[in-house]
Amino acid sequence: MTEPTPDAKLRTPSNLRLRMIASVAMIAVASVALVLGDIAFWLLAVVISLLMMAEWGELQKVAPKTKRLAQFALSVPLATMAPAWLIIEPRPFFTLGLIAGAAFFVAIVTRLPQLALGVVYCALPVLALVVLRRQGEGLLETFWAMSLVWACDIGAYFAGRSIGGPKLAPRLSPNKTWAGLIGGAAAAALLGALLHVAAGLPLVLALASPLLAVLAQGGDLYESWLKRLAGVKDSGNILPGHGGVLDRLDGLVPVAPVAALLVLSLGMFG
């Protein structure tokens, strides 16, 4: 009798149940913070960003002191994303400059450019989501950006499990298939259509949903590559059945900035 693979052990009914419970809890917390907006959404985003930076440092195998230095540098641009009643006035372009400055600071002090890249990786999606939430229809558009990644993950998981077939990028992630890619894009397209019909999401954004789903899966593959370089299966163990924060948000990292650019472009030229 062959020994079950580590992946098979993770797919036991009890583990899948734990993953499902954790997923529902994470989506619920994110949704409540999104609806509340203001300081609740900003605080959740800040905490998540700092946890991401901690896990990024672990993947780079840096000393705890160096990891904390990167987190402190990241906290400067994160602070300027606070609601207007906490600071004088939010300035997204100023914050963008601070993100670049914080990354440059980390690169110069630590001489670790890959660690400095983590500052941008962890701050940029937070800035994008905060900017999105503060737009006129920000609740709907931010929910769209976040939920299309959720839909993509769900669609990719079930399509990959039920259909299987050729691997998407076996050297980076041996479990991902082309069927999963198509299933994830289809689920995101369906979500975009539902939000367009039921909630008035602009048609351009609904049509962009499957393309952003492909981008989300590209972000997933990039994080898989980082973990392969580090020789680990998960970026962390903070989330029951899911690994680390980076493992759950790898798709949102590239999607959030592109979604924000699309929404801002619609406001300018729409």
Protein backbone atom coordinates (compact mmCIF):
# COMPACT_ATOMS: atom_id res chain seq x y z
CA MET A 1 0.00 0.00 0.00
CA THR A 2 1.45 3.36 -1.04
CA GLU A 3 2.05 6.09 1.50
CA PRO A 4 -0.36 9.05 1.05
CA THR A 5 1.25 12.18 -0.24
CA PRO A 6 1.44 15.29 1.99
CA ASP A 7 -1.13 16.95 -0.25
CA ALA A 8 -3.50 14.01 0.13
CA LYS A 9 -3.18 14.23 3.89
CA LEU A 10 -4.24 17.88 3.72
CA ARG A 11 -7.37 16.93 1.78
CA THR A 12 -8.94 14.77 4.44
CA PRO A 13 -12.59 15.57 5.29
CA SER A 14 -11.63 17.09 8.65
CA ASN A 15 -9.01 19.34 7.05
CA LEU A 16 -11.36 20.42 4.27
CA ARG A 17 -14.01 21.22 6.89
CA LEU A 18 -11.48 23.32 8.79
CA ARG A 19 -10.52 25.15 5.59
CA MET A 20 -14.17 25.88 4.84
CA ILE A 21 -14.87 27.22 8.33
CA ALA A 22 -11.75 29.39 8.23
CA SER A 23 -12.68 30.68 4.75
CA VAL A 24 -16.17 31.68 5.86
CA ALA A 25 -14.76 33.41 8.94
CA MET A 26 -12.17 35.35 6.92
CA ILE A 27 -14.73 36.46 4.34
CA ALA A 28 -17.13 37.50 7.12
CA VAL A 29 -14.49 39.61 8.90
CA ALA A 30 -13.40 41.24 5.63
CA SER A 31 -17.01 41.95 4.63
CA VAL A 32 -17.92 43.52 7.97
CA ALA A 33 -14.84 45.76 7.85
CA LEU A 34 -15.65 46.66 4.24
CA VAL A 35 -19.22 47.66 5.08
CA LEU A 36 -18.12 49.68 8.12
CA GLY A 37 -15.39 51.38 6.07
CA ASP A 38 -13.48 54.27 7.64
CA ILE A 39 -11.18 53.27 10.48
CA ALA A 40 -12.38 49.64 10.66
CA PHE A 41 -11.40 48.90 7.07
CA TRP A 42 -8.11 50.80 7.38
CA LEU A 43 -7.12 49.05 10.62
CA LEU A 44 -7.82 45.60 9.19
CA ALA A 45 -5.82 46.47 6.08
CA VAL A 46 -2.89 47.73 8.18
CA VAL A 47 -2.82 44.60 10.35
CA ILE A 48 -2.96 42.33 7.32
CA SER A 49 -0.23 44.28 5.53
CA LEU A 50 2.12 44.04 8.52
CA LEU A 51 1.43 40.29 8.82
CA MET A 52 2.19 39.93 5.12
CA MET A 53 5.48 41.76 5.62
CA ALA A 54 6.39 39.44 8.49
CA GLU A 55 5.76 36.39 6.32
CA TRP A 56 7.67 37.95 3.42
CA GLY A 57 10.64 38.37 5.76
CA GLU A 58 10.35 34.72 6.80
CA LEU A 59 10.43 33.66 3.14
CA GLN A 60 13.58 35.73 2.70
CA LYS A 61 15.04 34.05 5.81
CA VAL A 62 16.09 37.35 7.39
CA ALA A 63 16.82 37.88 11.07
CA PRO A 64 13.89 38.94 13.31
CA LYS A 65 15.50 42.36 13.84
CA THR A 66 15.73 42.94 10.07
CA LYS A 67 12.14 41.79 9.59
CA ARG A 68 10.92 44.28 12.22
CA LEU A 69 12.89 47.06 10.52
CA ALA A 70 11.02 46.36 7.29
CA GLN A 71 7.69 46.36 9.16
CA PHE A 72 8.51 49.72 10.78
CA ALA A 73 9.39 51.19 7.37
CA LEU A 74 6.14 49.83 5.94
CA SER A 75 4.12 51.35 8.80
CA VAL A 76 4.99 54.90 7.63
CA PRO A 77 3.04 54.81 4.33
CA LEU A 78 0.34 52.71 5.98
CA ALA A 79 -0.20 55.47 8.56
CA THR A 80 -0.82 58.05 5.81
CA MET A 81 -3.70 55.91 4.48
CA ALA A 82 -5.70 56.60 7.67
CA PRO A 83 -9.15 58.21 7.47
CA ALA A 84 -9.19 61.97 7.04
CA TRP A 85 -10.40 62.63 10.60
CA LEU A 86 -7.22 61.02 11.96
CA ILE A 87 -4.82 62.94 9.72
CA ILE A 88 -5.01 66.27 7.88
CA GLU A 89 -6.01 64.85 4.50
CA PRO A 90 -5.26 61.57 2.70
CA ARG A 91 -2.95 62.06 -0.29
CA PRO A 92 -2.69 58.81 -2.33
CA PHE A 93 0.12 60.08 -4.57
CA PHE A 94 2.08 61.23 -1.53
CA THR A 95 1.55 57.79 0.01
CA LEU A 96 2.73 56.18 -3.22
CA GLY A 97 5.94 58.16 -2.92
CA LEU A 98 6.32 57.08 0.70
CA ILE A 99 5.96 53.43 -0.33
CA ALA A 100 8.82 53.89 -2.80
CA GLY A 101 10.82 55.76 -0.16
CA ALA A 102 10.25 53.05 2.45
CA ALA A 103 11.36 50.37 -0.01
CA PHE A 104 14.47 52.40 -0.88
CA PHE A 105 15.26 52.83 2.82
CA VAL A 106 15.00 49.09 3.46
CA ALA A 107 17.18 48.32 0.43
CA ILE A 108 19.89 50.77 1.52
CA VAL A 109 19.94 49.80 5.21
CA THR A 110 19.65 46.02 4.84
CA ARG A 111 21.28 45.59 1.41
CA LEU A 112 18.47 43.15 0.65
CA PRO A 113 16.58 44.35 -2.44
CA GLN A 114 14.21 41.37 -2.30
CA LEU A 115 13.17 42.37 1.23
CA ALA A 116 12.62 45.94 -0.01
CA LEU A 117 10.39 44.56 -2.78
CA GLY A 118 8.22 43.14 -0.01
CA VAL A 119 7.41 46.67 1.19
CA VAL A 120 5.89 47.47 -2.20
CA TYR A 121 4.23 44.04 -2.42
CA CYS A 122 2.53 44.47 0.97
CA ALA A 123 1.67 48.20 0.76
CA LEU A 124 0.45 48.71 -2.80
CA PRO A 125 -2.68 46.50 -2.63
CA VAL A 126 -3.65 48.13 0.68
CA LEU A 127 -3.37 51.60 -0.84
CA ALA A 128 -5.44 50.44 -3.82
CA LEU A 129 -8.22 49.02 -1.64
CA VAL A 130 -8.30 52.08 0.65
CA VAL A 131 -8.52 54.40 -2.38
CA LEU A 132 -11.25 52.23 -3.90
CA ARG A 133 -13.31 52.23 -0.70
CA ARG A 134 -13.25 56.03 -0.55
CA GLN A 135 -14.71 56.49 -4.02
CA GLY A 136 -18.34 57.47 -4.53
CA GLU A 137 -19.52 53.89 -5.12
CA GLY A 138 -16.59 52.52 -3.19
CA LEU A 139 -18.43 49.82 -1.26
CA LEU A 140 -19.62 48.05 -4.42
CA GLU A 141 -16.37 48.46 -6.34
CA THR A 142 -14.16 47.35 -3.46
CA PHE A 143 -16.42 44.36 -2.85
CA TRP A 144 -16.13 43.52 -6.56
CA ALA A 145 -12.31 43.63 -6.46
CA MET A 146 -12.14 41.43 -3.37
CA SER A 147 -14.95 39.00 -4.18
CA LEU A 148 -13.79 38.26 -7.72
CA VAL A 149 -10.59 36.85 -6.17
CA TRP A 150 -12.69 34.76 -3.77
CA ALA A 151 -14.83 33.53 -6.66
CA CYS A 152 -11.73 32.77 -8.70
CA ASP A 153 -10.22 30.71 -5.87
CA ILE A 154 -13.43 28.73 -5.40
CA GLY A 155 -13.97 28.16 -9.12
CA ALA A 156 -10.35 27.14 -9.68
CA TYR A 157 -10.41 24.76 -6.72
CA PHE A 158 -13.55 22.88 -7.74
CA ALA A 159 -12.76 22.84 -11.47
CA GLY A 160 -9.26 21.60 -10.77
CA ARG A 161 -10.48 18.90 -8.40
CA SER A 162 -13.39 17.69 -10.56
CA ILE A 163 -11.85 18.00 -14.05
CA GLY A 164 -8.11 17.83 -13.52
CA GLY A 165 -6.15 17.52 -16.75
CA PRO A 166 -2.92 19.20 -17.89
CA LYS A 167 -0.93 21.09 -15.30
CA LEU A 168 -0.74 24.87 -15.57
CA ALA A 169 2.80 25.36 -14.26
CA PRO A 170 4.04 22.13 -12.66
CA ARG A 171 7.45 23.54 -11.76
CA LEU A 172 5.84 26.31 -9.69
CA SER A 173 2.67 24.70 -8.39
CA PRO A 174 2.11 21.01 -9.14
CA ASN A 175 -1.58 21.07 -8.20
CA LYS A 176 -2.76 23.89 -10.49
CA THR A 177 -4.34 22.91 -13.80
CA TRP A 178 -5.58 24.65 -16.92
CA ALA A 179 -9.07 23.51 -15.96
CA GLY A 180 -8.66 25.38 -12.68
CA LEU A 181 -7.57 28.52 -14.53
CA ILE A 182 -10.61 28.38 -16.78
CA GLY A 183 -12.92 27.52 -13.88
CA GLY A 184 -11.61 30.45 -11.85
CA ALA A 185 -12.06 32.87 -14.75
CA ALA A 186 -15.58 31.55 -15.38
CA ALA A 187 -16.55 31.96 -11.71
CA ALA A 188 -15.24 35.54 -11.70
CA ALA A 189 -17.11 36.29 -14.93
CA LEU A 190 -20.33 34.96 -13.40
CA LEU A 191 -19.81 37.10 -10.30
CA GLY A 192 -19.16 40.18 -12.43
CA ALA A 193 -22.36 39.55 -14.38
CA LEU A 194 -24.40 39.10 -11.19
CA LEU A 195 -23.03 42.31 -9.67
CA HIS A 196 -23.75 44.18 -12.90
CA VAL A 197 -27.37 43.00 -13.05
CA ALA A 198 -28.18 43.03 -9.34
CA ALA A 199 -26.10 45.93 -8.00
CA GLY A 200 -25.32 48.15 -10.99
CA LEU A 201 -21.60 47.37 -11.30
CA PRO A 202 -20.35 49.18 -14.44
CA LEU A 203 -20.33 46.89 -17.46
CA VAL A 204 -16.64 47.56 -18.12
CA LEU A 205 -15.73 46.24 -14.69
CA ALA A 206 -17.98 43.21 -15.10
CA LEU A 207 -16.31 42.40 -18.43
CA ALA A 208 -12.87 42.83 -16.87
CA SER A 209 -13.62 40.29 -14.12
CA PRO A 210 -12.37 37.13 -15.91
CA LEU A 211 -9.19 38.94 -17.00
CA LEU A 212 -8.51 40.00 -13.43
CA ALA A 213 -9.15 36.41 -12.36
CA VAL A 214 -6.32 35.30 -14.65
CA LEU A 215 -4.15 38.00 -13.08
CA ALA A 216 -5.10 36.69 -9.62
CA GLN A 217 -3.92 33.22 -10.55
CA GLY A 218 -0.70 34.75 -11.85
CA GLY A 219 -0.23 36.27 -8.40
CA ASP A 220 -0.84 32.84 -6.90
CA LEU A 221 1.87 31.33 -9.11
CA TYR A 222 4.30 34.10 -8.19
CA GLU A 223 3.84 33.38 -4.50
CA SER A 224 4.25 29.66 -5.19
CA TRP A 225 7.58 30.50 -6.84
CA LEU A 226 8.65 32.48 -3.76
CA LYS A 227 7.78 29.54 -1.49
CA ARG A 228 9.66 27.15 -3.76
CA LEU A 229 12.74 29.35 -3.53
CA ALA A 230 12.39 29.40 0.25
CA GLY A 231 11.82 25.64 0.38
CA VAL A 232 8.51 25.84 2.27
CA LYS A 233 4.96 24.69 1.53
CA ASP A 234 3.15 27.61 3.21
CA SER A 235 4.16 31.20 3.90
CA GLY A 236 3.00 30.80 7.51
CA ASN A 237 0.61 28.93 9.79
CA ILE A 238 -1.54 31.71 11.22
CA LEU A 239 -4.71 30.64 9.35
CA PRO A 240 -6.12 27.19 10.23
CA GLY A 241 -6.03 24.93 7.19
CA HIS A 242 -4.84 27.75 4.92
CA GLY A 243 -1.25 28.47 5.87
CA GLY A 244 -0.22 32.11 5.99
CA VAL A 245 -1.73 35.46 5.10
CA LEU A 246 0.33 35.64 1.91
CA ASP A 247 -1.12 32.28 0.86
CA ARG A 248 -4.64 33.71 1.04
CA LEU A 249 -3.99 37.15 -0.45
CA ASP A 250 -1.54 36.34 -3.23
CA GLY A 251 -4.27 36.76 -5.84
CA LEU A 252 -5.49 40.07 -4.44
CA VAL A 253 -2.00 41.63 -4.53
CA PRO A 254 -1.95 42.16 -8.33
CA VAL A 255 -5.72 42.50 -8.71
CA ALA A 256 -6.31 45.38 -6.27
CA PRO A 257 -4.01 47.95 -7.98
CA VAL A 258 -5.34 47.11 -11.46
CA ALA A 259 -8.94 47.25 -10.21
CA ALA A 260 -8.27 50.66 -8.63
CA LEU A 261 -6.76 51.97 -11.87
CA LEU A 262 -9.80 50.75 -13.82
CA VAL A 263 -12.23 52.41 -11.40
CA LEU A 264 -10.29 55.67 -11.33
CA SER A 265 -10.09 55.64 -15.14
CA LEU A 266 -13.86 55.21 -15.33
CA GLY A 267 -14.26 58.23 -13.06
CA MET A 268 -11.97 60.33 -15.23
CA PHE A 269 -13.16 59.30 -18.67
CA GLY A 270 -16.50 57.66 -18.02
